[in-house]
Amino acid sequence: MRVIAGSHRGRRLSGPRGTSLRPTSDKVREALFSILGTRVTGGRFLDLYAGTGAVGIEALSRGAVSVTFVEASPSTAALLRKNLHACHLAERARVWVGLADAFLQRRDRWDGPYNVVFADPPYAARKELDVLAGLGRAGLLSPDAVIVVEHASLDESPERIGPARLTRRYDYGDTVLSLYQNETQQ
């Protein structure tokens, strides 16, 4: 695993041992940032179900002002922090260890409003998509925010996630990126 572009291009990241994590592939990460374009530069980025932090670190490398990482597993969060320190990006990052639902209920933990939210819940955990309805909490999203959800190609993309409407679905083999646009004026 490596940082694809930006100020930390080519930097290797520590990956998981075993099969408990499914990091976003370089191909899908590259597609994600192509889809997001300039939305990342100068914005605040929320990485839910962050795993090793590869997506959020890529956002920092491409000019995000800050990234908030949310990861439930303490051991995986330790790996994420290791990657942030190795890239000298820890000062622009916040790591919250806990469930995504709990984070979304804790306004005092937010560093938003966020311009981009990326969520990569475990593919088999469909109930986690219900958790994302919490993205509708006032103050969490900027008015022009986008939400991107990575999921299995066999899963349907919900029409709405919180205040955001599905605008496009990008298929990459067994992986899909579903793009949602915030429709609220906060």
N, C-alpha and C. Protein backbone atom coordinates (compact mmCIF):
# COMPACT_ATOMS: atom_id res chain seq x y z
N MET A 1 0.84 -1.16 0.00
CA MET A 1 0.00 0.00 0.00
C MET A 1 0.89 1.23 0.00
N ARG A 2 0.47 2.24 -0.80
CA ARG A 2 1.28 3.44 -0.91
C ARG A 2 0.38 4.65 -1.12
N VAL A 3 0.93 5.83 -0.89
CA VAL A 3 0.24 7.07 -1.20
C VAL A 3 0.40 7.29 -2.70
N ILE A 4 -0.70 7.55 -3.39
CA ILE A 4 -0.68 7.60 -4.85
C ILE A 4 -0.21 8.93 -5.40
N ALA A 5 -0.65 10.04 -4.80
CA ALA A 5 -0.33 11.35 -5.37
C ALA A 5 -0.21 12.39 -4.27
N GLY A 6 0.22 13.58 -4.67
CA GLY A 6 0.32 14.69 -3.74
C GLY A 6 1.68 14.79 -3.10
N SER A 7 1.74 15.51 -2.00
CA SER A 7 3.01 15.80 -1.34
C SER A 7 3.71 14.57 -0.77
N HIS A 8 2.98 13.49 -0.56
CA HIS A 8 3.57 12.26 0.00
C HIS A 8 3.54 11.11 -1.00
N ARG A 9 3.45 11.46 -2.27
CA ARG A 9 3.39 10.45 -3.34
C ARG A 9 4.51 9.41 -3.20
N GLY A 10 4.10 8.14 -3.31
CA GLY A 10 5.06 7.04 -3.26
C GLY A 10 5.37 6.53 -1.87
N ARG A 11 4.95 7.26 -0.84
CA ARG A 11 5.23 6.85 0.54
C ARG A 11 4.52 5.54 0.83
N ARG A 12 5.26 4.56 1.34
CA ARG A 12 4.68 3.26 1.70
C ARG A 12 3.97 3.36 3.04
N LEU A 13 2.84 2.68 3.13
CA LEU A 13 2.06 2.64 4.36
C LEU A 13 2.07 1.22 4.90
N SER A 14 2.04 1.10 6.20
CA SER A 14 1.96 -0.22 6.82
C SER A 14 0.56 -0.77 6.61
N GLY A 15 0.50 -2.03 6.24
CA GLY A 15 -0.78 -2.68 5.99
C GLY A 15 -1.12 -3.67 7.07
N PRO A 16 -2.32 -4.22 6.98
CA PRO A 16 -2.77 -5.17 8.00
C PRO A 16 -2.12 -6.54 7.81
N ARG A 17 -2.06 -7.27 8.90
CA ARG A 17 -1.66 -8.67 8.83
C ARG A 17 -2.93 -9.50 8.90
N GLY A 18 -2.98 -10.55 8.13
CA GLY A 18 -4.17 -11.39 8.13
C GLY A 18 -5.24 -10.80 7.24
N THR A 19 -6.46 -11.25 7.44
CA THR A 19 -7.55 -10.83 6.56
C THR A 19 -8.65 -10.07 7.29
N SER A 20 -8.36 -9.52 8.47
CA SER A 20 -9.40 -8.82 9.22
C SER A 20 -9.76 -7.47 8.59
N LEU A 21 -8.86 -6.89 7.82
CA LEU A 21 -9.12 -5.62 7.14
C LEU A 21 -9.12 -5.82 5.64
N ARG A 22 -9.85 -4.95 4.96
CA ARG A 22 -9.90 -4.95 3.51
C ARG A 22 -9.58 -3.54 3.05
N PRO A 23 -8.29 -3.18 2.98
CA PRO A 23 -7.94 -1.81 2.59
C PRO A 23 -8.44 -1.49 1.18
N THR A 24 -8.81 -0.24 0.98
CA THR A 24 -9.23 0.22 -0.34
C THR A 24 -8.04 0.09 -1.28
N SER A 25 -8.23 -0.58 -2.40
CA SER A 25 -7.13 -0.82 -3.34
C SER A 25 -6.62 0.49 -3.92
N ASP A 26 -5.38 0.47 -4.40
CA ASP A 26 -4.80 1.65 -5.05
C ASP A 26 -5.67 2.10 -6.21
N LYS A 27 -6.18 1.15 -6.99
CA LYS A 27 -7.01 1.47 -8.16
C LYS A 27 -8.27 2.22 -7.75
N VAL A 28 -8.96 1.72 -6.72
CA VAL A 28 -10.19 2.35 -6.27
C VAL A 28 -9.89 3.68 -5.60
N ARG A 29 -8.80 3.77 -4.85
CA ARG A 29 -8.41 5.03 -4.22
C ARG A 29 -8.11 6.09 -5.28
N GLU A 30 -7.40 5.69 -6.31
CA GLU A 30 -7.10 6.62 -7.40
C GLU A 30 -8.40 7.10 -8.07
N ALA A 31 -9.34 6.19 -8.28
CA ALA A 31 -10.63 6.56 -8.87
C ALA A 31 -11.39 7.51 -7.94
N LEU A 32 -11.37 7.22 -6.65
CA LEU A 32 -12.05 8.06 -5.67
C LEU A 32 -11.57 9.50 -5.77
N PHE A 33 -10.26 9.69 -5.77
CA PHE A 33 -9.74 11.06 -5.79
C PHE A 33 -9.89 11.72 -7.15
N SER A 34 -10.01 10.95 -8.18
CA SER A 34 -10.35 11.50 -9.49
C SER A 34 -11.79 12.01 -9.47
N ILE A 35 -12.68 11.26 -8.85
CA ILE A 35 -14.08 11.66 -8.72
C ILE A 35 -14.19 12.93 -7.87
N LEU A 36 -13.46 12.98 -6.78
CA LEU A 36 -13.55 14.12 -5.86
C LEU A 36 -12.91 15.38 -6.44
N GLY A 37 -11.89 15.21 -7.26
CA GLY A 37 -11.24 16.35 -7.89
C GLY A 37 -10.75 17.37 -6.88
N THR A 38 -11.10 18.63 -7.09
CA THR A 38 -10.59 19.71 -6.24
C THR A 38 -11.34 19.86 -4.92
N ARG A 39 -12.36 19.06 -4.69
CA ARG A 39 -13.11 19.17 -3.43
C ARG A 39 -12.24 18.91 -2.21
N VAL A 40 -11.18 18.14 -2.38
CA VAL A 40 -10.33 17.76 -1.26
C VAL A 40 -9.43 18.91 -0.84
N THR A 41 -8.85 19.61 -1.79
CA THR A 41 -7.89 20.68 -1.52
C THR A 41 -8.52 21.78 -0.67
N GLY A 42 -7.91 22.02 0.48
CA GLY A 42 -8.38 23.07 1.38
C GLY A 42 -9.60 22.71 2.19
N GLY A 43 -10.08 21.47 2.08
CA GLY A 43 -11.29 21.06 2.78
C GLY A 43 -11.02 20.20 4.01
N ARG A 44 -12.09 19.93 4.72
CA ARG A 44 -12.06 19.03 5.88
C ARG A 44 -12.66 17.71 5.45
N PHE A 45 -11.99 16.62 5.82
CA PHE A 45 -12.29 15.28 5.33
C PHE A 45 -12.60 14.39 6.52
N LEU A 46 -13.67 13.62 6.44
CA LEU A 46 -14.03 12.66 7.48
C LEU A 46 -13.91 11.26 6.89
N ASP A 47 -13.09 10.43 7.51
CA ASP A 47 -12.84 9.05 7.06
C ASP A 47 -13.44 8.10 8.09
N LEU A 48 -14.67 7.62 7.80
CA LEU A 48 -15.35 6.68 8.69
C LEU A 48 -14.95 5.25 8.35
N TYR A 49 -14.77 4.42 9.37
CA TYR A 49 -14.31 3.04 9.20
C TYR A 49 -12.92 3.10 8.55
N ALA A 50 -12.04 3.86 9.13
CA ALA A 50 -10.78 4.28 8.50
C ALA A 50 -9.75 3.19 8.29
N GLY A 51 -9.78 2.13 9.05
CA GLY A 51 -8.79 1.06 8.85
C GLY A 51 -7.38 1.59 9.01
N THR A 52 -6.53 1.34 8.03
CA THR A 52 -5.12 1.75 8.08
C THR A 52 -4.94 3.25 7.86
N GLY A 53 -6.00 3.93 7.42
CA GLY A 53 -5.91 5.36 7.18
C GLY A 53 -5.47 5.74 5.78
N ALA A 54 -5.35 4.77 4.88
CA ALA A 54 -4.83 5.05 3.55
C ALA A 54 -5.63 6.11 2.80
N VAL A 55 -6.95 6.09 2.90
CA VAL A 55 -7.77 7.07 2.17
C VAL A 55 -7.58 8.47 2.77
N GLY A 56 -7.67 8.59 4.08
CA GLY A 56 -7.49 9.89 4.72
C GLY A 56 -6.09 10.44 4.54
N ILE A 57 -5.08 9.58 4.60
CA ILE A 57 -3.70 10.02 4.37
C ILE A 57 -3.55 10.52 2.94
N GLU A 58 -4.19 9.83 2.01
CA GLU A 58 -4.18 10.29 0.61
C GLU A 58 -4.81 11.68 0.52
N ALA A 59 -5.91 11.92 1.26
CA ALA A 59 -6.56 13.23 1.26
C ALA A 59 -5.60 14.30 1.80
N LEU A 60 -4.89 13.99 2.88
CA LEU A 60 -3.92 14.94 3.42
C LEU A 60 -2.81 15.22 2.42
N SER A 61 -2.34 14.19 1.76
CA SER A 61 -1.29 14.34 0.76
C SER A 61 -1.75 15.22 -0.40
N ARG A 62 -3.05 15.19 -0.68
CA ARG A 62 -3.61 15.96 -1.80
C ARG A 62 -4.16 17.32 -1.38
N GLY A 63 -3.86 17.75 -0.15
CA GLY A 63 -4.17 19.12 0.25
C GLY A 63 -5.33 19.33 1.19
N ALA A 64 -5.90 18.28 1.76
CA ALA A 64 -6.95 18.48 2.76
C ALA A 64 -6.34 19.22 3.95
N VAL A 65 -7.09 20.15 4.52
CA VAL A 65 -6.63 20.91 5.68
C VAL A 65 -6.49 19.99 6.88
N SER A 66 -7.49 19.12 7.04
CA SER A 66 -7.47 18.18 8.15
C SER A 66 -8.30 16.96 7.80
N VAL A 67 -8.01 15.86 8.51
CA VAL A 67 -8.79 14.63 8.36
C VAL A 67 -9.11 14.11 9.75
N THR A 68 -10.36 13.75 9.94
CA THR A 68 -10.78 13.05 11.15
C THR A 68 -10.98 11.59 10.77
N PHE A 69 -10.26 10.72 11.45
CA PHE A 69 -10.33 9.28 11.21
C PHE A 69 -11.17 8.66 12.32
N VAL A 70 -12.10 7.80 11.96
CA VAL A 70 -12.92 7.08 12.94
C VAL A 70 -12.71 5.59 12.70
N GLU A 71 -12.19 4.92 13.71
CA GLU A 71 -11.89 3.49 13.61
C GLU A 71 -12.26 2.81 14.92
N ALA A 72 -13.02 1.72 14.85
CA ALA A 72 -13.51 1.03 16.04
C ALA A 72 -12.45 0.18 16.73
N SER A 73 -11.53 -0.39 15.98
CA SER A 73 -10.55 -1.32 16.55
C SER A 73 -9.33 -0.57 17.10
N PRO A 74 -9.04 -0.73 18.39
CA PRO A 74 -7.86 -0.07 18.94
C PRO A 74 -6.54 -0.49 18.27
N SER A 75 -6.41 -1.76 17.92
CA SER A 75 -5.16 -2.21 17.29
C SER A 75 -5.03 -1.64 15.87
N THR A 76 -6.14 -1.54 15.15
CA THR A 76 -6.11 -0.96 13.82
C THR A 76 -5.85 0.55 13.91
N ALA A 77 -6.43 1.21 14.92
CA ALA A 77 -6.18 2.64 15.12
C ALA A 77 -4.70 2.88 15.43
N ALA A 78 -4.05 1.95 16.13
CA ALA A 78 -2.61 2.08 16.40
C ALA A 78 -1.82 2.01 15.09
N LEU A 79 -2.22 1.13 14.18
CA LEU A 79 -1.58 1.03 12.87
C LEU A 79 -1.80 2.33 12.08
N LEU A 80 -2.99 2.86 12.16
CA LEU A 80 -3.31 4.13 11.50
C LEU A 80 -2.41 5.25 12.03
N ARG A 81 -2.29 5.35 13.35
CA ARG A 81 -1.41 6.38 13.95
C ARG A 81 0.04 6.18 13.51
N LYS A 82 0.48 4.94 13.42
CA LYS A 82 1.83 4.65 12.95
C LYS A 82 2.02 5.20 11.53
N ASN A 83 1.03 5.00 10.66
CA ASN A 83 1.11 5.52 9.29
C ASN A 83 1.13 7.04 9.27
N LEU A 84 0.32 7.67 10.11
CA LEU A 84 0.31 9.14 10.17
C LEU A 84 1.66 9.68 10.62
N HIS A 85 2.25 9.06 11.65
CA HIS A 85 3.55 9.52 12.14
C HIS A 85 4.65 9.27 11.11
N ALA A 86 4.60 8.15 10.42
CA ALA A 86 5.61 7.85 9.40
C ALA A 86 5.57 8.87 8.26
N CYS A 87 4.39 9.41 7.98
CA CYS A 87 4.23 10.42 6.92
C CYS A 87 4.34 11.85 7.46
N HIS A 88 4.54 11.99 8.76
CA HIS A 88 4.62 13.32 9.39
C HIS A 88 3.34 14.12 9.16
N LEU A 89 2.21 13.46 9.32
CA LEU A 89 0.91 14.10 9.09
C LEU A 89 0.03 14.12 10.34
N ALA A 90 0.55 13.67 11.46
CA ALA A 90 -0.27 13.55 12.67
C ALA A 90 -0.84 14.88 13.13
N GLU A 91 -0.14 15.99 12.89
CA GLU A 91 -0.62 17.29 13.36
C GLU A 91 -1.85 17.79 12.61
N ARG A 92 -2.14 17.22 11.45
CA ARG A 92 -3.32 17.61 10.67
C ARG A 92 -4.43 16.57 10.76
N ALA A 93 -4.28 15.65 11.70
CA ALA A 93 -5.23 14.53 11.81
C ALA A 93 -5.76 14.39 13.23
N ARG A 94 -6.98 13.89 13.31
CA ARG A 94 -7.57 13.47 14.58
C ARG A 94 -7.98 12.02 14.40
N VAL A 95 -7.67 11.20 15.38
CA VAL A 95 -8.06 9.79 15.33
C VAL A 95 -9.01 9.55 16.50
N TRP A 96 -10.20 9.10 16.18
CA TRP A 96 -11.19 8.78 17.19
C TRP A 96 -11.40 7.28 17.19
N VAL A 97 -11.12 6.64 18.32
CA VAL A 97 -11.28 5.19 18.42
C VAL A 97 -12.65 4.91 19.03
N GLY A 98 -13.50 4.33 18.22
CA GLY A 98 -14.86 4.02 18.67
C GLY A 98 -15.74 3.75 17.46
N LEU A 99 -16.97 3.42 17.73
CA LEU A 99 -17.92 3.12 16.66
C LEU A 99 -18.33 4.40 15.93
N ALA A 100 -18.59 4.26 14.63
CA ALA A 100 -19.00 5.41 13.82
C ALA A 100 -20.26 6.05 14.39
N ASP A 101 -21.23 5.25 14.81
CA ASP A 101 -22.47 5.78 15.36
C ASP A 101 -22.20 6.65 16.58
N ALA A 102 -21.33 6.20 17.46
CA ALA A 102 -21.00 6.97 18.67
C ALA A 102 -20.31 8.28 18.29
N PHE A 103 -19.41 8.24 17.32
CA PHE A 103 -18.74 9.46 16.86
C PHE A 103 -19.76 10.47 16.32
N LEU A 104 -20.68 10.01 15.50
CA LEU A 104 -21.65 10.91 14.88
C LEU A 104 -22.57 11.57 15.91
N GLN A 105 -22.68 10.98 17.10
CA GLN A 105 -23.50 11.56 18.17
C GLN A 105 -22.70 12.51 19.06
N ARG A 106 -21.39 12.58 18.87
CA ARG A 106 -20.52 13.38 19.74
C ARG A 106 -20.02 14.64 19.03
N ARG A 107 -20.82 15.65 18.99
CA ARG A 107 -20.48 16.90 18.33
C ARG A 107 -19.13 17.45 18.81
N ASP A 108 -18.80 17.24 20.08
CA ASP A 108 -17.53 17.74 20.62
C ASP A 108 -16.32 17.06 19.98
N ARG A 109 -16.51 15.96 19.28
CA ARG A 109 -15.41 15.25 18.61
C ARG A 109 -15.23 15.68 17.15
N TRP A 110 -16.19 16.39 16.62
CA TRP A 110 -16.14 16.77 15.21
C TRP A 110 -15.11 17.86 14.98
N ASP A 111 -14.54 17.86 13.81
CA ASP A 111 -13.65 18.93 13.36
C ASP A 111 -14.22 19.49 12.07
N GLY A 112 -15.53 19.56 12.02
CA GLY A 112 -16.22 19.97 10.80
C GLY A 112 -16.64 21.42 10.87
N PRO A 113 -17.47 21.83 9.96
CA PRO A 113 -18.19 20.96 9.05
C PRO A 113 -17.27 20.35 7.99
N TYR A 114 -17.61 19.13 7.59
CA TYR A 114 -16.78 18.39 6.64
C TYR A 114 -17.25 18.64 5.21
N ASN A 115 -16.27 18.78 4.33
CA ASN A 115 -16.55 18.96 2.90
C ASN A 115 -16.71 17.62 2.20
N VAL A 116 -15.96 16.62 2.69
CA VAL A 116 -15.99 15.28 2.11
C VAL A 116 -16.08 14.26 3.24
N VAL A 117 -16.99 13.31 3.07
CA VAL A 117 -17.08 12.16 3.99
C VAL A 117 -16.86 10.92 3.15
N PHE A 118 -15.92 10.08 3.59
CA PHE A 118 -15.70 8.79 2.96
C PHE A 118 -16.03 7.73 3.99
N ALA A 119 -16.86 6.76 3.61
CA ALA A 119 -17.25 5.68 4.52
C ALA A 119 -17.02 4.35 3.82
N ASP A 120 -16.29 3.48 4.49
CA ASP A 120 -16.00 2.15 3.96
C ASP A 120 -16.35 1.11 5.03
N PRO A 121 -17.66 0.96 5.31
CA PRO A 121 -18.05 -0.01 6.33
C PRO A 121 -17.76 -1.44 5.87
N PRO A 122 -17.65 -2.36 6.80
CA PRO A 122 -17.45 -3.76 6.39
C PRO A 122 -18.53 -4.18 5.39
N TYR A 123 -18.13 -4.83 4.33
CA TYR A 123 -19.06 -5.19 3.26
C TYR A 123 -20.25 -6.00 3.75
N ALA A 124 -20.06 -6.87 4.71
CA ALA A 124 -21.13 -7.75 5.16
C ALA A 124 -22.06 -7.07 6.17
N ALA A 125 -21.71 -5.89 6.63
CA ALA A 125 -22.47 -5.22 7.69
C ALA A 125 -23.42 -4.17 7.11
N ARG A 126 -24.51 -4.62 6.51
CA ARG A 126 -25.48 -3.70 5.89
C ARG A 126 -26.07 -2.72 6.90
N LYS A 127 -26.14 -3.12 8.16
CA LYS A 127 -26.71 -2.23 9.17
C LYS A 127 -25.88 -0.97 9.34
N GLU A 128 -24.61 -1.03 8.96
CA GLU A 128 -23.75 0.16 9.07
C GLU A 128 -24.22 1.28 8.14
N LEU A 129 -24.90 0.94 7.05
CA LEU A 129 -25.43 1.98 6.17
C LEU A 129 -26.51 2.78 6.91
N ASP A 130 -27.24 2.13 7.83
CA ASP A 130 -28.21 2.85 8.65
C ASP A 130 -27.53 3.86 9.56
N VAL A 131 -26.34 3.52 10.04
CA VAL A 131 -25.56 4.42 10.89
C VAL A 131 -25.27 5.72 10.15
N LEU A 132 -25.05 5.63 8.84
CA LEU A 132 -24.69 6.81 8.07
C LEU A 132 -25.81 7.84 8.00
N ALA A 133 -27.02 7.47 8.36
CA ALA A 133 -28.11 8.45 8.44
C ALA A 133 -27.76 9.55 9.43
N GLY A 134 -26.87 9.22 10.39
CA GLY A 134 -26.40 10.20 11.37
C GLY A 134 -25.61 11.34 10.77
N LEU A 135 -25.25 11.22 9.50
CA LEU A 135 -24.53 12.31 8.83
C LEU A 135 -25.43 13.53 8.65
N GLY A 136 -26.72 13.39 8.91
CA GLY A 136 -27.65 14.50 8.79
C GLY A 136 -27.67 15.42 9.98
N ARG A 137 -26.87 15.16 11.00
CA ARG A 137 -26.87 16.01 12.18
C ARG A 137 -26.37 17.42 11.82
N ALA A 138 -27.05 18.42 12.33
CA ALA A 138 -26.72 19.81 12.03
C ALA A 138 -25.27 20.12 12.39
N GLY A 139 -24.58 20.77 11.47
CA GLY A 139 -23.21 21.19 11.71
C GLY A 139 -22.14 20.21 11.28
N LEU A 140 -22.53 19.01 10.91
CA LEU A 140 -21.54 18.00 10.53
C LEU A 140 -21.04 18.19 9.10
N LEU A 141 -21.93 18.54 8.19
CA LEU A 141 -21.58 18.66 6.77
C LEU A 141 -21.63 20.11 6.32
N SER A 142 -20.72 20.48 5.42
CA SER A 142 -20.82 21.78 4.78
C SER A 142 -21.98 21.72 3.79
N PRO A 143 -22.55 22.85 3.40
CA PRO A 143 -23.70 22.83 2.48
C PRO A 143 -23.40 22.13 1.15
N ASP A 144 -22.16 22.17 0.70
CA ASP A 144 -21.80 21.54 -0.59
C ASP A 144 -21.08 20.21 -0.41
N ALA A 145 -21.23 19.60 0.75
CA ALA A 145 -20.52 18.36 1.06
C ALA A 145 -20.91 17.21 0.14
N VAL A 146 -19.94 16.32 -0.05
CA VAL A 146 -20.21 15.07 -0.74
C VAL A 146 -19.88 13.91 0.19
N ILE A 147 -20.61 12.84 0.02
CA ILE A 147 -20.39 11.61 0.78
C ILE A 147 -20.11 10.52 -0.24
N VAL A 148 -19.06 9.75 0.00
CA VAL A 148 -18.75 8.62 -0.86
C VAL A 148 -18.73 7.38 0.01
N VAL A 149 -19.52 6.37 -0.40
CA VAL A 149 -19.58 5.11 0.34
C VAL A 149 -19.01 4.02 -0.55
N GLU A 150 -18.02 3.30 -0.01
CA GLU A 150 -17.48 2.13 -0.70
C GLU A 150 -18.24 0.92 -0.21
N HIS A 151 -18.69 0.09 -1.16
CA HIS A 151 -19.42 -1.12 -0.77
C HIS A 151 -19.29 -2.18 -1.86
N ALA A 152 -19.79 -3.36 -1.56
CA ALA A 152 -19.74 -4.47 -2.50
C ALA A 152 -20.66 -4.21 -3.68
N SER A 153 -20.27 -4.66 -4.85
CA SER A 153 -21.07 -4.43 -6.06
C SER A 153 -22.42 -5.12 -6.01
N LEU A 154 -22.55 -6.17 -5.21
CA LEU A 154 -23.83 -6.87 -5.09
C LEU A 154 -24.84 -6.11 -4.24
N ASP A 155 -24.36 -5.13 -3.47
CA ASP A 155 -25.25 -4.34 -2.61
C ASP A 155 -25.83 -3.16 -3.38
N GLU A 156 -27.10 -2.90 -3.16
CA GLU A 156 -27.75 -1.74 -3.76
C GLU A 156 -27.26 -0.48 -3.05
N SER A 157 -27.18 0.60 -3.77
CA SER A 157 -26.85 1.90 -3.17
C SER A 157 -28.15 2.52 -2.68
N PRO A 158 -28.22 2.89 -1.39
CA PRO A 158 -29.44 3.55 -0.92
C PRO A 158 -29.64 4.86 -1.69
N GLU A 159 -30.88 5.27 -1.88
CA GLU A 159 -31.17 6.52 -2.60
C GLU A 159 -30.73 7.74 -1.81
N ARG A 160 -30.77 7.64 -0.48
CA ARG A 160 -30.38 8.75 0.39
C ARG A 160 -29.53 8.25 1.54
N ILE A 161 -28.63 9.10 1.97
CA ILE A 161 -27.88 8.88 3.21
C ILE A 161 -27.96 10.21 3.97
N GLY A 162 -28.68 10.20 5.07
CA GLY A 162 -28.89 11.44 5.80
C GLY A 162 -29.48 12.48 4.86
N PRO A 163 -28.88 13.66 4.78
CA PRO A 163 -29.42 14.73 3.94
C PRO A 163 -28.94 14.67 2.49
N ALA A 164 -28.25 13.61 2.13
CA ALA A 164 -27.62 13.55 0.81
C ALA A 164 -28.33 12.56 -0.11
N ARG A 165 -28.40 12.94 -1.38
CA ARG A 165 -29.06 12.13 -2.41
C ARG A 165 -28.00 11.47 -3.29
N LEU A 166 -28.25 10.21 -3.65
CA LEU A 166 -27.36 9.48 -4.56
C LEU A 166 -27.33 10.20 -5.90
N THR A 167 -26.12 10.52 -6.37
CA THR A 167 -26.00 11.19 -7.67
C THR A 167 -25.32 10.31 -8.71
N ARG A 168 -24.50 9.36 -8.25
CA ARG A 168 -23.80 8.51 -9.22
C ARG A 168 -23.23 7.29 -8.51
N ARG A 169 -23.12 6.21 -9.26
CA ARG A 169 -22.54 4.96 -8.76
C ARG A 169 -21.44 4.57 -9.73
N TYR A 170 -20.24 4.33 -9.18
CA TYR A 170 -19.07 3.95 -9.99
C TYR A 170 -18.70 2.51 -9.65
N ASP A 171 -18.69 1.63 -10.64
CA ASP A 171 -18.40 0.22 -10.42
C ASP A 171 -16.95 -0.10 -10.81
N TYR A 172 -16.26 -0.82 -9.92
CA TYR A 172 -14.88 -1.27 -10.14
C TYR A 172 -14.79 -2.74 -9.74
N GLY A 173 -15.21 -3.61 -10.63
CA GLY A 173 -15.20 -5.04 -10.32
C GLY A 173 -16.18 -5.33 -9.20
N ASP A 174 -15.69 -5.89 -8.09
CA ASP A 174 -16.57 -6.24 -6.98
C ASP A 174 -16.75 -5.09 -5.98
N THR A 175 -16.20 -3.92 -6.32
CA THR A 175 -16.28 -2.74 -5.45
C THR A 175 -17.05 -1.62 -6.15
N VAL A 176 -17.85 -0.91 -5.38
CA VAL A 176 -18.60 0.23 -5.89
C VAL A 176 -18.32 1.45 -5.02
N LEU A 177 -18.21 2.61 -5.65
CA LEU A 177 -18.19 3.89 -4.95
C LEU A 177 -19.51 4.58 -5.29
N SER A 178 -20.33 4.83 -4.26
CA SER A 178 -21.59 5.54 -4.45
C SER A 178 -21.39 6.98 -3.96
N LEU A 179 -21.70 7.93 -4.83
CA LEU A 179 -21.49 9.35 -4.57
C LEU A 179 -22.82 10.01 -4.21
N TYR A 180 -22.83 10.72 -3.09
CA TYR A 180 -24.01 11.41 -2.59
C TYR A 180 -23.69 12.90 -2.45
N GLN A 181 -24.67 13.74 -2.80
CA GLN A 181 -24.51 15.19 -2.69
C GLN A 181 -25.44 15.71 -1.59
N ASN A 182 -24.89 16.50 -0.67
CA ASN A 182 -25.69 17.10 0.39
C ASN A 182 -26.73 18.03 -0.21
N GLU A 183 -27.97 17.92 0.26
CA GLU A 183 -29.03 18.78 -0.27
C GLU A 183 -29.54 19.78 0.75
N THR A 184 -28.96 19.82 1.94
CA THR A 184 -29.43 20.76 2.96
C THR A 184 -28.65 22.06 2.86
N GLN A 185 -29.27 23.11 3.26
CA GLN A 185 -28.59 24.41 3.36
C GLN A 185 -28.42 24.69 4.84
N GLN A 186 -27.24 24.45 5.38
CA GLN A 186 -27.01 24.61 6.83
C GLN A 186 -26.52 25.99 7.15
